[in-house]
Amino acid sequence: MTKPAPSFYFPAPRTEKFCSQCGSALIRRIPPDDSHMRDVCEHCGAVHYQNPRNVVGTIPVWGDKILLCRRAIEPRYDKWTLPAGFMELSETLDQGALRETQEEAGAQIKMGPLYTIIDVPHANQVHLFFLATVLSPELHPGPESLEAGFFDKSEIPWGELAFRTVSTTLEHYFEDKPSGKYPVRHYDITMAVAH
């Protein structure tokens, strides 16, 4: 029997309490012509939709090494990860990935192309990682990182990686590296099958 994942992997629906249109209390129900439970305002009729959150990050490469950060926050405190985090409003995917890399590692990078798109439906998230070239080995980790460092394939702490999306992305990076061709890969992490 499989052990259930920790509860933070299965977040409760993000329900709102009050309507952003009129301030009235919201209820949960399936609106007419819909198939999902929604936050609905019975006063003004507004339907408040909840959508997946984008997590954006990079695979920062310095020579033959990858930049990883050791997390100073939960979930997965003290585990290693690629620099990544939630996308902010009013920024593009690559702007968010660049910002997260600078905030978490203090690294100066040149952004490359999108590499992995990983659906994480049980966490209501989509993780997107871009290839990136590190421009200097000088790092200044921010408050969300205990430390940051460069690792070649044999040095990566595979058993201490924070998230399956990170290990999946790194495994495929090293699989593609010999050819120098990095096609965009799309996964559903619950099935771990490429699309």
C-alpha atoms as a PDB file:
ATOM      1  CA  MET A   1       0.000   0.000   0.000  1.00  0.00           C
ATOM      2  CA  THR A   2       1.322   3.429  -0.948  1.00  0.00           C
ATOM      3  CA  LYS A   3       1.879   5.914   1.850  1.00  0.00           C
ATOM      4  CA  PRO A   4      -0.166   9.098   1.293  1.00  0.00           C
ATOM      5  CA  ALA A   5       1.729  12.274   0.471  1.00  0.00           C
ATOM      6  CA  PRO A   6       1.942  15.024   3.106  1.00  0.00           C
ATOM      7  CA  SER A   7      -1.170  17.208   3.326  1.00  0.00           C
ATOM      8  CA  PHE A   8       0.504  20.250   1.736  1.00  0.00           C
ATOM      9  CA  TYR A   9       0.416  18.359  -1.580  1.00  0.00           C
ATOM     10  CA  PHE A  10      -3.372  18.333  -1.533  1.00  0.00           C
ATOM     11  CA  PRO A  11      -4.431  21.900  -0.851  1.00  0.00           C
ATOM     12  CA  ALA A  12      -8.033  22.648  -0.032  1.00  0.00           C
ATOM     13  CA  PRO A  13      -9.953  24.591  -2.689  1.00  0.00           C
ATOM     14  CA  ARG A  14      -9.057  28.256  -2.527  1.00  0.00           C
ATOM     15  CA  THR A  15     -12.472  29.606  -1.604  1.00  0.00           C
ATOM     16  CA  GLU A  16     -13.134  33.290  -1.131  1.00  0.00           C
ATOM     17  CA  LYS A  17     -15.484  34.528   1.569  1.00  0.00           C
ATOM     18  CA  PHE A  18     -16.734  37.753  -0.003  1.00  0.00           C
ATOM     19  CA  CYS A  19     -17.522  38.923  -3.528  1.00  0.00           C
ATOM     20  CA  SER A  20     -14.876  41.206  -5.042  1.00  0.00           C
ATOM     21  CA  GLN A  21     -17.630  42.870  -7.102  1.00  0.00           C
ATOM     22  CA  CYS A  22     -20.126  43.860  -4.386  1.00  0.00           C
ATOM     23  CA  GLY A  23     -18.756  42.641  -1.037  1.00  0.00           C
ATOM     24  CA  SER A  24     -21.598  40.207  -0.317  1.00  0.00           C
ATOM     25  CA  ALA A  25     -20.969  36.788   1.228  1.00  0.00           C
ATOM     26  CA  LEU A  26     -20.227  34.004  -1.263  1.00  0.00           C
ATOM     27  CA  ILE A  27     -21.617  30.488  -1.339  1.00  0.00           C
ATOM     28  CA  ARG A  28     -20.234  27.320  -2.946  1.00  0.00           C
ATOM     29  CA  ARG A  29     -22.401  25.762  -5.646  1.00  0.00           C
ATOM     30  CA  ILE A  30     -22.392  24.587  -9.251  1.00  0.00           C
ATOM     31  CA  PRO A  31     -23.662  27.470 -11.410  1.00  0.00           C
ATOM     32  CA  PRO A  32     -26.131  26.767 -14.246  1.00  0.00           C
ATOM     33  CA  ASP A  33     -24.386  25.493 -17.403  1.00  0.00           C
ATOM     34  CA  ASP A  34     -21.264  24.590 -15.405  1.00  0.00           C
ATOM     35  CA  SER A  35     -19.884  21.310 -14.077  1.00  0.00           C
ATOM     36  CA  HIS A  36     -17.651  22.463 -11.196  1.00  0.00           C
ATOM     37  CA  MET A  37     -18.248  23.796  -7.705  1.00  0.00           C
ATOM     38  CA  ARG A  38     -17.573  27.562  -7.695  1.00  0.00           C
ATOM     39  CA  ASP A  39     -17.648  30.550  -5.341  1.00  0.00           C
ATOM     40  CA  VAL A  40     -20.848  32.359  -6.336  1.00  0.00           C
ATOM     41  CA  CYS A  41     -22.395  35.649  -5.219  1.00  0.00           C
ATOM     42  CA  GLU A  42     -26.177  35.321  -4.940  1.00  0.00           C
ATOM     43  CA  HIS A  43     -26.494  39.101  -4.600  1.00  0.00           C
ATOM     44  CA  CYS A  44     -24.886  40.271  -7.886  1.00  0.00           C
ATOM     45  CA  GLY A  45     -24.495  36.904  -9.687  1.00  0.00           C
ATOM     46  CA  ALA A  46     -20.697  37.044 -10.039  1.00  0.00           C
ATOM     47  CA  VAL A  47     -18.945  33.686 -10.348  1.00  0.00           C
ATOM     48  CA  HIS A  48     -15.427  33.631  -8.880  1.00  0.00           C
ATOM     49  CA  TYR A  49     -13.224  31.120 -10.706  1.00  0.00           C
ATOM     50  CA  GLN A  50     -10.097  29.606  -9.159  1.00  0.00           C
ATOM     51  CA  ASN A  51      -7.294  28.711 -11.545  1.00  0.00           C
ATOM     52  CA  PRO A  52      -3.988  26.825 -11.270  1.00  0.00           C
ATOM     53  CA  ARG A  53      -0.925  28.716 -10.085  1.00  0.00           C
ATOM     54  CA  ASN A  54       2.210  28.922 -12.223  1.00  0.00           C
ATOM     55  CA  VAL A  55       5.561  28.089 -10.652  1.00  0.00           C
ATOM     56  CA  VAL A  56       8.411  29.409 -12.823  1.00  0.00           C
ATOM     57  CA  GLY A  57      12.115  28.724 -12.549  1.00  0.00           C
ATOM     58  CA  THR A  58      15.378  28.034 -14.305  1.00  0.00           C
ATOM     59  CA  ILE A  59      17.972  25.354 -14.889  1.00  0.00           C
ATOM     60  CA  PRO A  60      20.997  27.654 -14.437  1.00  0.00           C
ATOM     61  CA  VAL A  61      24.083  26.177 -16.093  1.00  0.00           C
ATOM     62  CA  TRP A  62      27.686  27.219 -15.321  1.00  0.00           C
ATOM     63  CA  GLY A  63      30.023  25.148 -17.510  1.00  0.00           C
ATOM     64  CA  ASP A  64      29.201  21.522 -16.702  1.00  0.00           C
ATOM     65  CA  LYS A  65      27.481  22.364 -13.439  1.00  0.00           C
ATOM     66  CA  ILE A  66      23.925  23.197 -12.379  1.00  0.00           C
ATOM     67  CA  LEU A  67      23.045  25.846  -9.805  1.00  0.00           C
ATOM     68  CA  LEU A  68      20.914  24.548  -6.929  1.00  0.00           C
ATOM     69  CA  CYS A  69      19.560  26.289  -3.833  1.00  0.00           C
ATOM     70  CA  ARG A  70      18.944  24.768  -0.394  1.00  0.00           C
ATOM     71  CA  ARG A  71      15.525  25.867   0.820  1.00  0.00           C
ATOM     72  CA  ALA A  72      15.182  28.079   3.913  1.00  0.00           C
ATOM     73  CA  ILE A  73      11.369  27.858   3.809  1.00  0.00           C
ATOM     74  CA  GLU A  74       8.631  25.244   3.970  1.00  0.00           C
ATOM     75  CA  PRO A  75       7.573  23.095   2.327  1.00  0.00           C
ATOM     76  CA  ARG A  76      10.728  20.980   2.083  1.00  0.00           C
ATOM     77  CA  TYR A  77      12.917  23.123   4.327  1.00  0.00           C
ATOM     78  CA  ASP A  78      16.638  22.189   3.991  1.00  0.00           C
ATOM     79  CA  LYS A  79      16.107  20.312   0.693  1.00  0.00           C
ATOM     80  CA  TRP A  80      17.761  21.265  -2.598  1.00  0.00           C
ATOM     81  CA  THR A  81      15.919  22.745  -5.551  1.00  0.00           C
ATOM     82  CA  LEU A  82      16.284  24.632  -8.776  1.00  0.00           C
ATOM     83  CA  PRO A  83      15.562  28.340  -8.229  1.00  0.00           C
ATOM     84  CA  ALA A  84      11.817  28.749  -8.780  1.00  0.00           C
ATOM     85  CA  GLY A  85       8.673  30.221  -7.290  1.00  0.00           C
ATOM     86  CA  PHE A  86       5.206  31.526  -7.973  1.00  0.00           C
ATOM     87  CA  MET A  87       4.776  33.854 -10.915  1.00  0.00           C
ATOM     88  CA  GLU A  88       3.676  37.379  -9.985  1.00  0.00           C
ATOM     89  CA  LEU A  89       0.915  39.385 -11.618  1.00  0.00           C
ATOM     90  CA  SER A  90       2.034  41.644 -14.490  1.00  0.00           C
ATOM     91  CA  GLU A  91       5.126  39.600 -15.383  1.00  0.00           C
ATOM     92  CA  THR A  92       5.826  37.152 -18.184  1.00  0.00           C
ATOM     93  CA  LEU A  93       6.898  33.555 -17.587  1.00  0.00           C
ATOM     94  CA  ASP A  94      10.558  34.267 -18.304  1.00  0.00           C
ATOM     95  CA  GLN A  95      10.530  37.495 -16.266  1.00  0.00           C
ATOM     96  CA  GLY A  96       9.236  35.508 -13.299  1.00  0.00           C
ATOM     97  CA  ALA A  97      11.848  32.784 -13.744  1.00  0.00           C
ATOM     98  CA  LEU A  98      14.627  35.391 -13.972  1.00  0.00           C
ATOM     99  CA  ARG A  99      13.339  37.196 -10.855  1.00  0.00           C
ATOM    100  CA  GLU A 100      13.114  33.965  -8.847  1.00  0.00           C
ATOM    101  CA  THR A 101      16.680  33.002  -9.821  1.00  0.00           C
ATOM    102  CA  GLN A 102      17.984  36.391  -8.739  1.00  0.00           C
ATOM    103  CA  GLU A 103      15.973  36.358  -5.485  1.00  0.00           C
ATOM    104  CA  GLU A 104      16.839  32.813  -4.423  1.00  0.00           C
ATOM    105  CA  ALA A 105      20.427  32.491  -5.647  1.00  0.00           C
ATOM    106  CA  GLY A 106      21.575  36.046  -6.347  1.00  0.00           C
ATOM    107  CA  ALA A 107      22.768  34.721  -9.704  1.00  0.00           C
ATOM    108  CA  GLN A 108      23.208  36.756 -12.849  1.00  0.00           C
ATOM    109  CA  ILE A 109      21.905  34.720 -15.776  1.00  0.00           C
ATOM    110  CA  LYS A 110      21.055  34.887 -19.447  1.00  0.00           C
ATOM    111  CA  MET A 111      17.635  33.362 -20.053  1.00  0.00           C
ATOM    112  CA  GLY A 112      17.306  30.540 -22.552  1.00  0.00           C
ATOM    113  CA  PRO A 113      14.273  28.721 -23.954  1.00  0.00           C
ATOM    114  CA  LEU A 114      11.463  27.018 -22.087  1.00  0.00           C
ATOM    115  CA  TYR A 115      12.471  23.432 -21.291  1.00  0.00           C
ATOM    116  CA  THR A 116       9.904  21.644 -19.134  1.00  0.00           C
ATOM    117  CA  ILE A 117       6.198  22.148 -18.528  1.00  0.00           C
ATOM    118  CA  ILE A 118       4.985  19.947 -15.705  1.00  0.00           C
ATOM    119  CA  ASP A 119       1.329  19.710 -14.709  1.00  0.00           C
ATOM    120  CA  VAL A 120       0.882  19.154 -10.973  1.00  0.00           C
ATOM    121  CA  PRO A 121      -2.911  18.876 -10.714  1.00  0.00           C
ATOM    122  CA  HIS A 122      -2.979  17.541  -7.144  1.00  0.00           C
ATOM    123  CA  ALA A 123      -1.316  20.811  -6.011  1.00  0.00           C
ATOM    124  CA  ASN A 124      -3.294  23.068  -8.392  1.00  0.00           C
ATOM    125  CA  GLN A 125      -0.024  24.113 -10.052  1.00  0.00           C
ATOM    126  CA  VAL A 126       1.882  24.114 -13.339  1.00  0.00           C
ATOM    127  CA  HIS A 127       5.712  24.181 -13.090  1.00  0.00           C
ATOM    128  CA  LEU A 128       7.692  25.720 -15.964  1.00  0.00           C
ATOM    129  CA  PHE A 129      11.489  25.630 -16.134  1.00  0.00           C
ATOM    130  CA  PHE A 130      13.675  27.586 -18.565  1.00  0.00           C
ATOM    131  CA  LEU A 131      17.240  26.817 -19.559  1.00  0.00           C
ATOM    132  CA  ALA A 132      19.609  29.585 -18.464  1.00  0.00           C
ATOM    133  CA  THR A 133      23.307  30.380 -18.668  1.00  0.00           C
ATOM    134  CA  VAL A 134      25.007  31.652 -15.504  1.00  0.00           C
ATOM    135  CA  LEU A 135      27.139  34.691 -16.328  1.00  0.00           C
ATOM    136  CA  SER A 136      29.302  34.694 -13.182  1.00  0.00           C
ATOM    137  CA  PRO A 137      30.009  32.132 -10.433  1.00  0.00           C
ATOM    138  CA  GLU A 138      29.369  34.822  -7.817  1.00  0.00           C
ATOM    139  CA  LEU A 139      26.199  34.011  -5.844  1.00  0.00           C
ATOM    140  CA  HIS A 140      24.263  35.964  -3.209  1.00  0.00           C
ATOM    141  CA  PRO A 141      21.469  33.712  -1.906  1.00  0.00           C
ATOM    142  CA  GLY A 142      18.382  35.527  -0.632  1.00  0.00           C
ATOM    143  CA  PRO A 143      16.337  34.882   2.523  1.00  0.00           C
ATOM    144  CA  GLU A 144      14.474  31.913   0.995  1.00  0.00           C
ATOM    145  CA  SER A 145      17.753  29.981   0.549  1.00  0.00           C
ATOM    146  CA  LEU A 146      20.125  28.606   3.175  1.00  0.00           C
ATOM    147  CA  GLU A 147      22.835  28.396   0.520  1.00  0.00           C
ATOM    148  CA  ALA A 148      23.365  28.042  -3.218  1.00  0.00           C
ATOM    149  CA  GLY A 149      26.020  26.175  -5.125  1.00  0.00           C
ATOM    150  CA  PHE A 150      27.076  24.510  -8.357  1.00  0.00           C
ATOM    151  CA  PHE A 151      26.867  20.742  -8.865  1.00  0.00           C
ATOM    152  CA  ASP A 152      27.891  18.409 -11.662  1.00  0.00           C
ATOM    153  CA  LYS A 153      25.706  15.379 -12.313  1.00  0.00           C
ATOM    154  CA  SER A 154      27.602  13.135  -9.872  1.00  0.00           C
ATOM    155  CA  GLU A 155      27.481  15.756  -7.092  1.00  0.00           C
ATOM    156  CA  ILE A 156      23.747  16.514  -7.241  1.00  0.00           C
ATOM    157  CA  PRO A 157      22.106  15.434  -3.960  1.00  0.00           C
ATOM    158  CA  TRP A 158      19.490  13.339  -5.793  1.00  0.00           C
ATOM    159  CA  GLY A 159      18.006  11.943  -2.576  1.00  0.00           C
ATOM    160  CA  GLU A 160      17.720  15.424  -1.071  1.00  0.00           C
ATOM    161  CA  LEU A 161      15.864  17.206  -3.899  1.00  0.00           C
ATOM    162  CA  ALA A 162      12.795  19.091  -2.719  1.00  0.00           C
ATOM    163  CA  PHE A 163      10.296  18.299  -5.466  1.00  0.00           C
ATOM    164  CA  ARG A 164       9.633  15.659  -8.076  1.00  0.00           C
ATOM    165  CA  THR A 165       9.312  18.372 -10.736  1.00  0.00           C
ATOM    166  CA  VAL A 166      12.936  19.336 -10.014  1.00  0.00           C
ATOM    167  CA  SER A 167      14.277  15.772 -10.210  1.00  0.00           C
ATOM    168  CA  THR A 168      12.277  15.114 -13.404  1.00  0.00           C
ATOM    169  CA  THR A 169      13.627  18.285 -15.018  1.00  0.00           C
ATOM    170  CA  LEU A 170      17.222  17.502 -14.018  1.00  0.00           C
ATOM    171  CA  GLU A 171      17.010  13.869 -15.180  1.00  0.00           C
ATOM    172  CA  HIS A 172      15.875  14.968 -18.619  1.00  0.00           C
ATOM    173  CA  TYR A 173      18.420  17.775 -18.792  1.00  0.00           C
ATOM    174  CA  PHE A 174      21.253  15.272 -18.281  1.00  0.00           C
ATOM    175  CA  GLU A 175      19.608  12.863 -20.733  1.00  0.00           C
ATOM    176  CA  ASP A 176      19.510  15.596 -23.418  1.00  0.00           C
ATOM    177  CA  LYS A 177      22.907  17.132 -22.639  1.00  0.00           C
ATOM    178  CA  PRO A 178      25.071  14.769 -24.755  1.00  0.00           C
ATOM    179  CA  SER A 179      23.157  15.692 -27.924  1.00  0.00           C
ATOM    180  CA  GLY A 180      23.022  19.410 -27.086  1.00  0.00           C
ATOM    181  CA  LYS A 181      19.352  19.370 -28.125  1.00  0.00           C
ATOM    182  CA  TYR A 182      16.792  20.328 -25.503  1.00  0.00           C
ATOM    183  CA  PRO A 183      13.255  19.872 -26.833  1.00  0.00           C
ATOM    184  CA  VAL A 184      10.414  21.239 -24.730  1.00  0.00           C
ATOM    185  CA  ARG A 185       9.069  18.418 -22.559  1.00  0.00           C
ATOM    186  CA  HIS A 186       5.534  18.332 -21.172  1.00  0.00           C
ATOM    187  CA  TYR A 187       4.614  16.055 -18.256  1.00  0.00           C
ATOM    188  CA  ASP A 188       1.797  15.227 -15.906  1.00  0.00           C
ATOM    189  CA  ILE A 189       3.711  14.611 -12.681  1.00  0.00           C
ATOM    190  CA  THR A 190       0.972  12.387 -11.287  1.00  0.00           C
ATOM    191  CA  MET A 191       1.608   9.921 -14.106  1.00  0.00           C
ATOM    192  CA  ALA A 192       5.265  10.838 -14.890  1.00  0.00           C
ATOM    193  CA  VAL A 193       4.562  10.267 -18.568  1.00  0.00           C
ATOM    194  CA  ALA A 194       5.790  12.608 -21.308  1.00  0.00           C
ATOM    195  CA  HIS A 195       3.233  14.162 -23.644  1.00  0.00           C
END
